[in-house]
């Protein structure tokens, strides 16, 4: 049996730990195991390749918007070139990481599937290996809904869609979350006919209803979005696929035809392939690895981070968790995880971004009387008016008693950038909303919309009264 100081499962954010560990202990022996190409989900089939596709999609919509402002240009999409550029960049990065892992003397790199056979002991490529310490950065996999004939007719996922070389004439995307939204935006901007079929009543569940409403309104200019729908069966009809779709509330049935079907119905744990139960590692009912506030599993010196623990399936969270694991597992400095201000974004047109609590969560936690809502529209700033950014806004959630920022959401151009101003303040000791108001904001810059949202705080009741007049009352997006 081969013995190591450390065994790492996965080549994503756990790689952040290797250089400092080797520098601290040049004689350390590490086994790194990954059944997939090195680099983790983010690089190989997640956020990075998808953004290489979504930026051209953004350019298409921006060029179209230019016509309203007196700037016209021919929009011509070269789908094979866009896909080839993405794959060339990603494949180059993968090769670079593989070469690095294979050339470091301290590391044995296994491109294979591994499984526990006992506590601190694994089997990989017909070898039995052990270590006193483990980092489980195993990622997640696409969740597949139960749909008759799904496997028979074939389907795309966020994994396989990246190998397309020909643009489908039409595509039905099963799911109503951020992956479905982003790929719906991509394919529609490339020229495909897109239908999104979401199971939840609200498109982009988890976001504020009024934010989701604006995002849906804009996307529906280029595609069909159906919510509260269940796909029960798929059949082939020549080169087309026919989906049987049931409206969940009424039971009414309809058919949707498309050349391709993509499943984007969320992610699920793949910890089962490791057989964690053999190692004394506990999982929750959904299969995610259970960790404490220090990211240690039920087995001492076995740590989990990233998608494996099922908390927040974002690369930036995995990177943060790798820092926490380093503090606890390596430096032995007791450090707790802190998820009070996890930012997130959906890279569609317009962008959607958020951080912290929603209004509903804040009211449940602090009571309606101790919550204030800030709201300001892009079009009411000089830069927003120049951009003709009509209908987009910033929403903020503040605790009245302390003026502490509890959360915020933005729908509009550059939302993923603008939200960072709020995120940064939420990581100060006081998390004080007045910090943003005291800061000098460039005029006329789009950041003024964030400043003015915090200068326009209202009690929730008054805020919703205002939403009615703005045509953004909650629930209005629950339509077909």
Protein backbone atom coordinates (compact mmCIF):
# COMPACT_ATOMS: atom_id res chain seq x y z
CA UNK A 1 0.00 0.00 0.00
CA UNK A 2 1.30 3.43 -0.98
CA UNK A 3 1.19 6.05 1.77
CA UNK A 4 0.87 9.81 1.33
CA UNK A 5 0.75 12.81 3.63
CA UNK A 6 -2.30 14.13 1.79
CA UNK A 7 -4.81 12.82 -0.74
CA UNK A 8 -6.78 15.37 -2.75
CA UNK A 9 -9.89 14.39 -4.70
CA UNK A 10 -10.58 16.87 -7.49
CA UNK A 11 -8.45 19.43 -9.30
CA UNK A 12 -10.59 22.53 -8.75
CA UNK A 13 -10.22 24.94 -5.86
CA UNK A 14 -8.26 22.45 -3.75
CA UNK A 15 -5.32 23.27 -6.04
CA UNK A 16 -5.11 26.67 -4.32
CA UNK A 17 -3.66 24.84 -1.31
CA UNK A 18 -0.85 22.95 -2.98
CA UNK A 19 1.81 25.63 -3.54
CA UNK A 20 1.73 27.00 0.02
CA UNK A 21 1.70 23.47 1.45
CA UNK A 22 4.71 22.40 -0.61
CA UNK A 23 6.56 25.60 0.26
CA UNK A 24 5.90 24.98 3.95
CA UNK A 25 6.89 21.34 3.76
CA UNK A 26 9.10 20.59 0.73
CA UNK A 27 9.12 16.89 1.53
CA UNK A 28 5.34 16.46 1.55
CA UNK A 29 3.91 13.63 -0.57
CA UNK A 30 0.56 14.33 -2.20
CA UNK A 31 -1.76 12.19 -4.33
CA UNK A 32 -4.17 14.12 -6.56
CA UNK A 33 -7.04 12.18 -8.07
CA UNK A 34 -9.57 13.37 -10.66
CA UNK A 35 -11.71 11.23 -12.93
CA UNK A 36 -12.24 14.20 -15.26
CA UNK A 37 -9.89 16.51 -17.10
CA UNK A 38 -7.85 18.64 -14.67
CA UNK A 39 -9.01 22.11 -13.71
CA UNK A 40 -12.32 21.43 -12.03
CA UNK A 41 -15.86 22.05 -13.25
CA UNK A 42 -15.40 25.83 -13.47
CA UNK A 43 -12.63 25.58 -16.04
CA UNK A 44 -13.54 22.43 -17.93
CA UNK A 45 -17.31 22.76 -18.36
CA UNK A 46 -18.68 25.49 -16.11
CA UNK A 47 -18.25 29.19 -15.58
CA UNK A 48 -15.19 29.85 -17.75
CA UNK A 49 -16.23 28.15 -21.02
CA UNK A 50 -19.79 29.41 -20.64
CA UNK A 51 -18.57 33.00 -20.24
CA UNK A 52 -16.41 32.60 -23.33
CA UNK A 53 -19.71 31.93 -25.10
CA UNK A 54 -21.80 34.52 -23.28
CA UNK A 55 -19.56 37.47 -24.09
CA UNK A 56 -20.23 37.13 -27.85
CA UNK A 57 -23.93 36.83 -26.96
CA UNK A 58 -23.65 40.08 -25.00
CA UNK A 59 -22.06 41.76 -28.01
CA UNK A 60 -24.93 40.65 -30.23
CA UNK A 61 -27.54 42.18 -27.91
CA UNK A 62 -25.44 45.32 -27.38
CA UNK A 63 -25.13 45.83 -31.14
CA UNK A 64 -28.88 45.39 -31.51
CA UNK A 65 -29.43 47.94 -28.75
CA UNK A 66 -27.20 50.36 -30.63
CA UNK A 67 -29.84 50.74 -33.32
CA UNK A 68 -32.13 52.47 -30.81
CA UNK A 69 -29.34 54.95 -30.13
CA UNK A 70 -28.55 55.72 -33.75
CA UNK A 71 -25.66 53.31 -34.16
CA UNK A 72 -26.20 50.51 -36.66
CA UNK A 73 -23.91 47.62 -37.53
CA UNK A 74 -24.37 44.33 -39.29
CA UNK A 75 -24.67 41.49 -36.80
CA UNK A 76 -23.24 38.31 -38.27
CA UNK A 77 -22.67 35.29 -36.03
CA UNK A 78 -20.02 32.66 -36.79
CA UNK A 79 -21.14 29.90 -34.43
CA UNK A 80 -18.39 27.37 -35.31
CA UNK A 81 -15.72 30.05 -34.76
CA UNK A 82 -17.17 31.03 -31.37
CA UNK A 83 -17.26 27.40 -30.25
CA UNK A 84 -13.77 26.66 -31.60
CA UNK A 85 -12.28 29.70 -29.82
CA UNK A 86 -13.83 28.57 -26.54
CA UNK A 87 -12.56 25.02 -26.86
CA UNK A 88 -9.07 26.14 -27.92
CA UNK A 89 -8.72 28.36 -24.84
CA UNK A 90 -10.13 25.77 -22.44
CA UNK A 91 -8.17 22.86 -23.90
CA UNK A 92 -4.97 24.91 -23.67
CA UNK A 93 -5.59 25.66 -20.00
CA UNK A 94 -6.40 22.00 -19.29
CA UNK A 95 -3.18 20.86 -20.97
CA UNK A 96 -1.18 23.39 -18.97
CA UNK A 97 -2.64 22.17 -15.67
CA UNK A 98 -2.12 18.53 -16.61
CA UNK A 99 1.52 19.21 -17.45
CA UNK A 100 1.99 21.02 -14.16
CA UNK A 101 0.43 18.24 -12.08
CA UNK A 102 2.54 15.62 -13.85
CA UNK A 103 5.82 17.48 -13.39
CA UNK A 104 5.80 18.41 -9.69
CA UNK A 105 8.01 15.91 -7.78
CA UNK A 106 5.85 16.05 -4.65
CA UNK A 107 2.70 14.99 -6.53
CA UNK A 108 1.41 11.72 -7.93
CA UNK A 109 -1.42 12.59 -10.31
CA UNK A 110 -4.10 9.98 -10.99
CA UNK A 111 -6.50 10.63 -13.86
CA UNK A 112 -8.92 8.00 -12.64
CA UNK A 113 -11.91 7.22 -10.44
CA UNK A 114 -11.19 6.47 -6.79
CA UNK A 115 -13.24 5.01 -3.97
CA UNK A 116 -12.83 4.56 -0.26
CA UNK A 117 -12.28 1.01 0.95
CA UNK A 118 -11.77 1.96 4.62
CA UNK A 119 -11.14 5.08 6.72
CA UNK A 120 -8.20 7.02 5.24
CA UNK A 121 -7.74 4.36 2.55
CA UNK A 122 -8.71 4.39 -1.13
CA UNK A 123 -8.47 2.22 -4.20
CA UNK A 124 -7.39 3.89 -7.47
CA UNK A 125 -6.12 2.25 -10.67
CA UNK A 126 -5.72 -1.13 -8.97
CA UNK A 127 -3.63 0.45 -6.22
CA UNK A 128 -4.48 0.89 -2.57
CA UNK A 129 -3.34 4.21 -1.17
CA UNK A 130 -3.72 5.88 2.21
CA UNK A 131 -3.08 9.21 3.93
CA UNK A 132 -3.59 10.87 7.28
CA UNK A 133 -5.34 13.83 5.66
CA UNK A 134 -7.86 14.23 2.82
CA UNK A 135 -9.27 17.21 0.91
CA UNK A 136 -12.50 16.34 -0.89
CA UNK A 137 -13.12 18.84 -3.67
CA UNK A 138 -15.22 16.51 -5.78
CA UNK A 139 -17.59 18.87 -7.58
CA UNK A 140 -21.15 17.91 -8.56
CA UNK A 141 -23.03 16.54 -11.53
CA UNK A 142 -26.04 17.49 -13.64
CA UNK A 143 -29.32 16.47 -12.04
CA UNK A 144 -31.47 14.52 -14.49
CA UNK A 145 -35.25 14.67 -14.06
CA UNK A 146 -37.36 11.57 -14.58
CA UNK A 147 -38.58 11.95 -18.18
CA UNK A 148 -39.78 9.06 -20.32
CA UNK A 149 -37.43 8.33 -23.26
CA UNK A 150 -34.89 10.98 -22.20
CA UNK A 151 -31.92 8.64 -22.57
CA UNK A 152 -33.33 7.14 -25.76
CA UNK A 153 -33.74 10.38 -27.70
CA UNK A 154 -30.56 11.96 -26.33
CA UNK A 155 -29.99 15.32 -24.70
CA UNK A 156 -27.40 17.98 -24.00
CA UNK A 157 -26.19 19.18 -20.61
CA UNK A 158 -23.86 21.99 -19.58
CA UNK A 159 -21.11 19.34 -19.91
CA UNK A 160 -21.83 18.14 -23.44
CA UNK A 161 -23.16 21.35 -24.99
CA UNK A 162 -19.62 22.68 -25.20
CA UNK A 163 -18.77 20.17 -27.93
CA UNK A 164 -21.41 21.41 -30.37
CA UNK A 165 -20.05 22.52 -33.73
CA UNK A 166 -23.35 23.26 -35.48
CA UNK A 167 -25.98 25.67 -34.21
CA UNK A 168 -29.31 23.90 -33.72
CA UNK A 169 -32.24 25.59 -35.41
CA UNK A 170 -34.22 25.22 -32.19
CA UNK A 171 -33.55 24.07 -28.64
CA UNK A 172 -35.79 23.30 -25.66
CA UNK A 173 -34.08 23.86 -22.32
CA UNK A 174 -35.50 21.99 -19.33
CA UNK A 175 -34.99 24.11 -16.23
CA UNK A 176 -35.69 27.69 -15.16
CA UNK A 177 -32.60 28.61 -13.16
CA UNK A 178 -29.40 30.44 -13.99
CA UNK A 179 -27.90 27.73 -16.22
CA UNK A 180 -31.06 27.56 -18.33
CA UNK A 181 -31.23 31.36 -18.48
CA UNK A 182 -27.61 31.78 -19.56
CA UNK A 183 -27.72 29.10 -22.25
CA UNK A 184 -31.11 30.34 -23.41
CA UNK A 185 -29.55 33.79 -23.83
CA UNK A 186 -26.57 32.31 -25.66
CA UNK A 187 -28.49 30.18 -28.14
CA UNK A 188 -31.12 32.84 -28.85
CA UNK A 189 -28.43 35.45 -29.56
CA UNK A 190 -26.73 32.99 -31.92
CA UNK A 191 -30.00 32.72 -33.87
CA UNK A 192 -31.66 29.56 -32.53
CA UNK A 193 -35.31 29.39 -31.54
CA UNK A 194 -35.30 28.82 -27.77
CA UNK A 195 -37.96 27.52 -25.40
CA UNK A 196 -37.24 27.42 -21.66
CA UNK A 197 -39.38 25.04 -19.60
CA UNK A 198 -39.13 25.77 -15.88
CA UNK A 199 -40.67 23.65 -13.13
CA UNK A 200 -40.98 26.51 -10.62
CA UNK A 201 -43.71 29.10 -10.83
CA UNK A 202 -41.09 31.85 -10.89
CA UNK A 203 -38.39 32.10 -13.52
CA UNK A 204 -34.99 32.43 -11.79
CA UNK A 205 -36.25 31.18 -8.42
CA UNK A 206 -34.24 32.53 -5.53
CA UNK A 207 -34.14 36.02 -6.94
CA UNK A 208 -36.54 38.76 -5.89
CA UNK A 209 -39.83 38.40 -7.82
CA UNK A 210 -39.55 41.90 -9.28
CA UNK A 211 -35.96 41.24 -10.40
CA UNK A 212 -36.97 37.96 -12.03
CA UNK A 213 -39.89 39.74 -13.70
CA UNK A 214 -37.66 42.28 -15.45
CA UNK A 215 -35.17 39.59 -16.50
CA UNK A 216 -37.98 37.51 -17.92
CA UNK A 217 -39.56 40.42 -19.76
CA UNK A 218 -36.28 41.19 -21.50
CA UNK A 219 -35.42 37.60 -22.37
CA UNK A 220 -38.90 36.95 -23.72
CA UNK A 221 -38.17 39.44 -26.49
CA UNK A 222 -35.94 36.72 -27.94
CA UNK A 223 -37.31 33.39 -26.67
CA UNK A 224 -40.28 31.60 -25.12
CA UNK A 225 -40.23 31.08 -21.35
CA UNK A 226 -42.80 28.72 -19.81
CA UNK A 227 -42.87 28.30 -16.03
CA UNK A 228 -44.77 25.90 -13.74
CA UNK A 229 -44.21 23.21 -16.36
CA UNK A 230 -43.17 19.56 -16.12
CA UNK A 231 -41.71 17.65 -19.05
CA UNK A 232 -43.03 14.10 -18.80
CA UNK A 233 -42.01 12.49 -22.10
CA UNK A 234 -39.90 13.10 -25.21
CA UNK A 235 -40.36 11.42 -28.59
CA UNK A 236 -38.48 11.66 -31.87
CA UNK A 237 -40.22 12.97 -34.97
CA UNK A 238 -37.73 12.89 -37.81
CA UNK A 239 -34.89 15.25 -36.90
CA UNK A 240 -37.05 16.91 -34.27
CA UNK A 241 -37.79 16.02 -30.68
CA UNK A 242 -41.34 16.41 -29.35
CA UNK A 243 -41.67 17.16 -25.64
CA UNK A 244 -44.86 16.46 -23.74
CA UNK A 245 -45.22 19.34 -21.30
CA UNK A 246 -47.74 19.46 -18.44
CA UNK A 247 -48.80 22.66 -16.69
CA UNK A 248 -48.44 21.72 -13.04
CA UNK A 249 -51.28 23.84 -11.66
CA UNK A 250 -53.99 22.92 -14.19
CA UNK A 251 -52.78 19.59 -15.58
CA UNK A 252 -53.15 20.87 -19.14
CA UNK A 253 -50.83 19.27 -21.69
CA UNK A 254 -49.03 20.78 -24.64
CA UNK A 255 -46.28 19.75 -27.04
CA UNK A 256 -43.04 21.58 -27.69
CA UNK A 257 -40.89 20.71 -30.72
CA UNK A 258 -37.17 21.36 -30.96
CA UNK A 259 -34.15 20.02 -32.78
CA UNK A 260 -32.16 19.72 -29.55
CA UNK A 261 -33.04 19.25 -25.89
CA UNK A 262 -30.84 20.54 -23.09
CA UNK A 263 -31.26 19.54 -19.46
CA UNK A 264 -30.39 22.35 -17.03
CA UNK A 265 -32.45 21.29 -14.02
CA UNK A 266 -29.83 21.86 -11.33
CA UNK A 267 -26.90 19.99 -9.83
CA UNK A 268 -26.67 17.03 -7.48
CA UNK A 269 -24.05 15.38 -5.33
CA UNK A 270 -21.69 12.80 -6.79
CA UNK A 271 -20.17 11.85 -3.43
CA UNK A 272 -21.69 8.38 -3.86
CA UNK A 273 -18.93 7.40 -6.30
CA UNK A 274 -16.43 7.69 -3.44
CA UNK A 275 -18.45 5.41 -1.12
CA UNK A 276 -17.92 7.81 1.81
CA UNK A 277 -19.77 5.49 4.18
CA UNK A 278 -16.80 3.10 4.05
CA UNK A 279 -14.60 5.89 5.38
CA UNK A 280 -16.91 6.99 8.17
CA UNK A 281 -17.81 10.18 6.27
CA UNK A 282 -21.43 11.19 6.77
CA UNK A 283 -23.66 12.67 4.08
CA UNK A 284 -27.04 14.37 4.24
CA UNK A 285 -30.25 12.83 2.77
CA UNK A 286 -29.45 14.40 -0.63
CA UNK A 287 -25.96 12.89 -0.63
CA UNK A 288 -23.94 16.06 0.04
CA UNK A 289 -20.95 15.63 2.35
CA UNK A 290 -21.69 16.92 5.83
CA UNK A 291 -19.14 19.35 7.26
CA UNK A 292 -18.95 21.45 10.41
CA UNK A 293 -18.41 25.21 10.50
CA UNK A 294 -14.69 24.60 9.94
CA UNK A 295 -15.35 22.40 6.84
CA UNK A 296 -14.21 19.20 8.56
CA UNK A 297 -16.26 16.08 7.90
CA UNK A 298 -17.41 13.54 10.48
CA UNK A 299 -14.02 11.84 10.02
CA UNK A 300 -11.18 13.86 11.61
CA UNK A 301 -8.64 15.33 9.17
CA UNK A 302 -10.95 14.77 6.22
CA UNK A 303 -12.11 18.11 4.82
CA UNK A 304 -14.63 18.96 2.10
CA UNK A 305 -14.96 22.13 0.07
CA UNK A 306 -16.64 23.47 -3.05
CA UNK A 307 -19.64 21.70 -4.56
CA UNK A 308 -18.93 18.61 -2.48
CA UNK A 309 -20.44 20.11 0.67
CA UNK A 310 -23.53 21.30 -1.23
CA UNK A 311 -23.71 24.73 0.39
CA UNK A 312 -23.10 27.25 -2.39
CA UNK A 313 -22.23 25.88 -5.81
CA UNK A 314 -20.09 28.82 -6.96
CA UNK A 315 -16.39 28.86 -7.83
CA UNK A 316 -15.75 31.95 -5.71
CA UNK A 317 -17.25 30.15 -2.70
CA UNK A 318 -15.03 27.14 -3.36
CA UNK A 319 -12.00 29.44 -3.50
CA UNK A 320 -13.04 31.02 -0.20
CA UNK A 321 -13.57 27.60 1.37
CA UNK A 322 -10.09 26.52 0.26
CA UNK A 323 -8.74 29.40 2.37
CA UNK A 324 -10.78 28.23 5.36
CA UNK A 325 -9.50 24.66 4.95
CA UNK A 326 -5.92 25.94 4.75
CA UNK A 327 -6.35 27.89 7.97
CA UNK A 328 -7.86 24.93 9.81
CA UNK A 329 -6.17 21.87 8.33
CA UNK A 330 -2.70 23.23 7.66
CA UNK A 331 -2.07 26.23 9.91
CA UNK A 332 -4.27 24.85 12.73
CA UNK A 333 -5.89 28.27 13.20
CA UNK A 334 -9.52 27.69 14.14
CA UNK A 335 -11.48 29.54 11.45
CA UNK A 336 -15.24 29.38 10.94
CA UNK A 337 -16.97 29.75 7.59
CA UNK A 338 -18.93 32.94 7.05
CA UNK A 339 -21.53 33.00 4.29
CA UNK A 340 -23.34 36.22 5.22
CA UNK A 341 -22.47 37.94 1.93
CA UNK A 342 -22.15 35.40 -0.87
CA UNK A 343 -22.44 37.23 -4.21
CA UNK A 344 -23.92 35.66 -7.32
CA UNK A 345 -24.77 36.72 -10.86
CA UNK A 346 -26.61 35.52 -13.95
CA UNK A 347 -24.83 36.57 -17.14
CA UNK A 348 -27.80 37.24 -19.37
CA UNK A 349 -28.97 40.45 -21.07
CA UNK A 350 -29.58 42.32 -18.86
CA UNK A 351 -27.37 40.87 -16.13
CA UNK A 352 -28.81 39.90 -12.76
CA UNK A 353 -26.75 39.93 -9.57
CA UNK A 354 -27.33 39.63 -5.84
CA UNK A 355 -25.77 39.25 -2.42
CA UNK A 356 -27.00 38.41 1.06
CA UNK A 357 -30.63 38.22 2.18
CA UNK A 358 -33.70 38.80 0.06
CA UNK A 359 -36.43 41.06 1.37
CA UNK A 360 -38.53 38.06 2.42
CA UNK A 361 -35.63 36.46 4.29
CA UNK A 362 -34.79 39.74 6.03
CA UNK A 363 -38.40 40.30 7.14
CA UNK A 364 -38.58 36.74 8.47
CA UNK A 365 -35.34 37.25 10.39
CA UNK A 366 -35.77 40.80 11.72
CA UNK A 367 -39.47 41.63 11.38
CA UNK A 368 -41.01 44.04 8.90
CA UNK A 369 -40.67 47.02 11.23
CA UNK A 370 -36.86 46.65 11.32
CA UNK A 371 -36.32 46.39 7.55
CA UNK A 372 -35.89 49.16 4.98
CA UNK A 373 -35.89 48.69 1.21
CA UNK A 374 -33.90 50.89 -1.15
CA UNK A 375 -34.83 51.18 -4.81
CA UNK A 376 -33.51 53.21 -7.71
CA UNK A 377 -33.88 52.86 -11.46
CA UNK A 378 -31.03 53.12 -13.95
CA UNK A 379 -32.98 55.50 -16.18
CA UNK A 380 -33.12 58.11 -13.41
CA UNK A 381 -29.35 58.57 -13.48
CA UNK A 382 -27.55 60.54 -16.17
CA UNK A 383 -25.53 57.53 -17.34
CA UNK A 384 -28.58 55.26 -17.31
CA UNK A 385 -30.49 57.74 -19.43
CA UNK A 386 -27.55 57.99 -21.85
CA UNK A 387 -27.61 54.19 -22.16
CA UNK A 388 -31.40 54.13 -22.61
CA UNK A 389 -31.38 51.61 -19.74
CA UNK A 390 -35.08 51.75 -19.10
CA UNK A 391 -36.78 49.48 -16.56
CA UNK A 392 -33.65 48.30 -14.76
CA UNK A 393 -32.98 48.91 -11.08
CA UNK A 394 -31.03 48.36 -7.88
CA UNK A 395 -32.83 46.98 -4.80
CA UNK A 396 -31.20 47.06 -1.37
CA UNK A 397 -32.22 45.57 1.98
CA UNK A 398 -31.10 47.33 5.16
CA UNK A 399 -31.70 46.76 8.86
CA UNK A 400 -33.38 49.91 10.17
CA UNK A 401 -31.96 49.80 13.71
CA UNK A 402 -28.28 49.49 12.71
CA UNK A 403 -28.26 50.61 9.04
CA UNK A 404 -26.45 47.35 8.34
CA UNK A 405 -26.68 46.12 4.76
CA UNK A 406 -28.51 42.77 4.74
CA UNK A 407 -28.66 42.18 1.00
CA UNK A 408 -29.11 43.63 -2.45
CA UNK A 409 -30.10 42.64 -5.97
CA UNK A 410 -29.57 44.36 -9.30
CA UNK A 411 -31.06 43.78 -12.73
CA UNK A 412 -29.48 45.74 -15.54
CA UNK A 413 -26.26 46.34 -17.47
CA UNK A 414 -23.07 45.57 -15.53
CA UNK A 415 -25.02 44.23 -12.53
CA UNK A 416 -22.20 41.78 -11.75
CA UNK A 417 -19.79 44.73 -11.46
CA UNK A 418 -22.08 47.14 -9.62
CA UNK A 419 -22.97 44.57 -6.93
CA UNK A 420 -19.32 44.44 -5.86
CA UNK A 421 -19.55 47.94 -4.38
CA UNK A 422 -22.18 46.57 -1.99
CA UNK A 423 -20.37 43.28 -1.37
CA UNK A 424 -17.21 45.09 -0.30
CA UNK A 425 -19.07 47.15 2.31
CA UNK A 426 -20.76 43.99 3.60
CA UNK A 427 -17.28 42.66 4.43
CA UNK A 428 -16.41 45.62 6.66
CA UNK A 429 -16.88 45.32 10.42
CA UNK A 430 -19.95 47.57 10.55
CA UNK A 431 -21.47 46.66 7.14
CA UNK A 432 -22.93 50.16 7.31
CA UNK A 433 -25.07 51.38 4.41
CA UNK A 434 -24.10 54.98 5.12
CA UNK A 435 -20.55 54.10 4.05
CA UNK A 436 -21.79 54.00 0.46
CA UNK A 437 -23.62 57.32 0.90
CA UNK A 438 -20.52 59.00 2.37
CA UNK A 439 -18.31 57.82 -0.48
CA UNK A 440 -17.92 60.21 -3.41
CA UNK A 441 -19.37 58.70 -6.58
CA UNK A 442 -18.23 59.76 -10.03
CA UNK A 443 -20.81 61.76 -11.95
CA UNK A 444 -22.13 60.82 -14.37
CA UNK A 445 -21.25 57.16 -13.86
CA UNK A 446 -23.54 54.16 -13.53
CA UNK A 447 -22.39 53.58 -9.94
CA UNK A 448 -24.67 56.47 -8.95
CA UNK A 449 -27.63 54.10 -9.22
CA UNK A 450 -26.20 52.11 -6.27
CA UNK A 451 -25.61 55.25 -4.23
CA UNK A 452 -29.14 56.52 -4.84
CA UNK A 453 -30.72 53.18 -3.97
CA UNK A 454 -29.26 53.55 -0.47
CA UNK A 455 -30.51 57.15 -0.33
CA UNK A 456 -34.05 56.01 -1.16
CA UNK A 457 -34.95 53.71 1.74
CA UNK A 458 -38.60 52.86 2.40
CA UNK A 459 -40.52 50.56 4.73
CA UNK A 460 -41.53 47.35 2.90
CA UNK A 461 -45.21 48.36 2.72
CA UNK A 462 -44.41 51.67 1.03
CA UNK A 463 -41.91 49.98 -1.25
CA UNK A 464 -44.49 47.51 -2.54
CA UNK A 465 -47.03 50.28 -3.01
CA UNK A 466 -44.44 51.97 -5.23
CA UNK A 467 -43.83 48.71 -7.15
CA UNK A 468 -47.51 48.53 -8.07
CA UNK A 469 -47.29 51.93 -9.72
CA UNK A 470 -44.04 50.92 -11.44
CA UNK A 471 -45.67 47.77 -12.88
CA UNK A 472 -43.29 45.53 -10.97
CA UNK A 473 -45.57 44.09 -8.32
CA UNK A 474 -44.59 40.61 -7.12
CA UNK A 475 -46.11 37.71 -8.99
CA UNK A 476 -46.62 39.54 -12.27
CA UNK A 477 -44.00 37.31 -13.89
CA UNK A 478 -46.12 34.21 -13.28
CA UNK A 479 -47.56 34.13 -16.77
CA UNK A 480 -47.03 32.50 -20.12
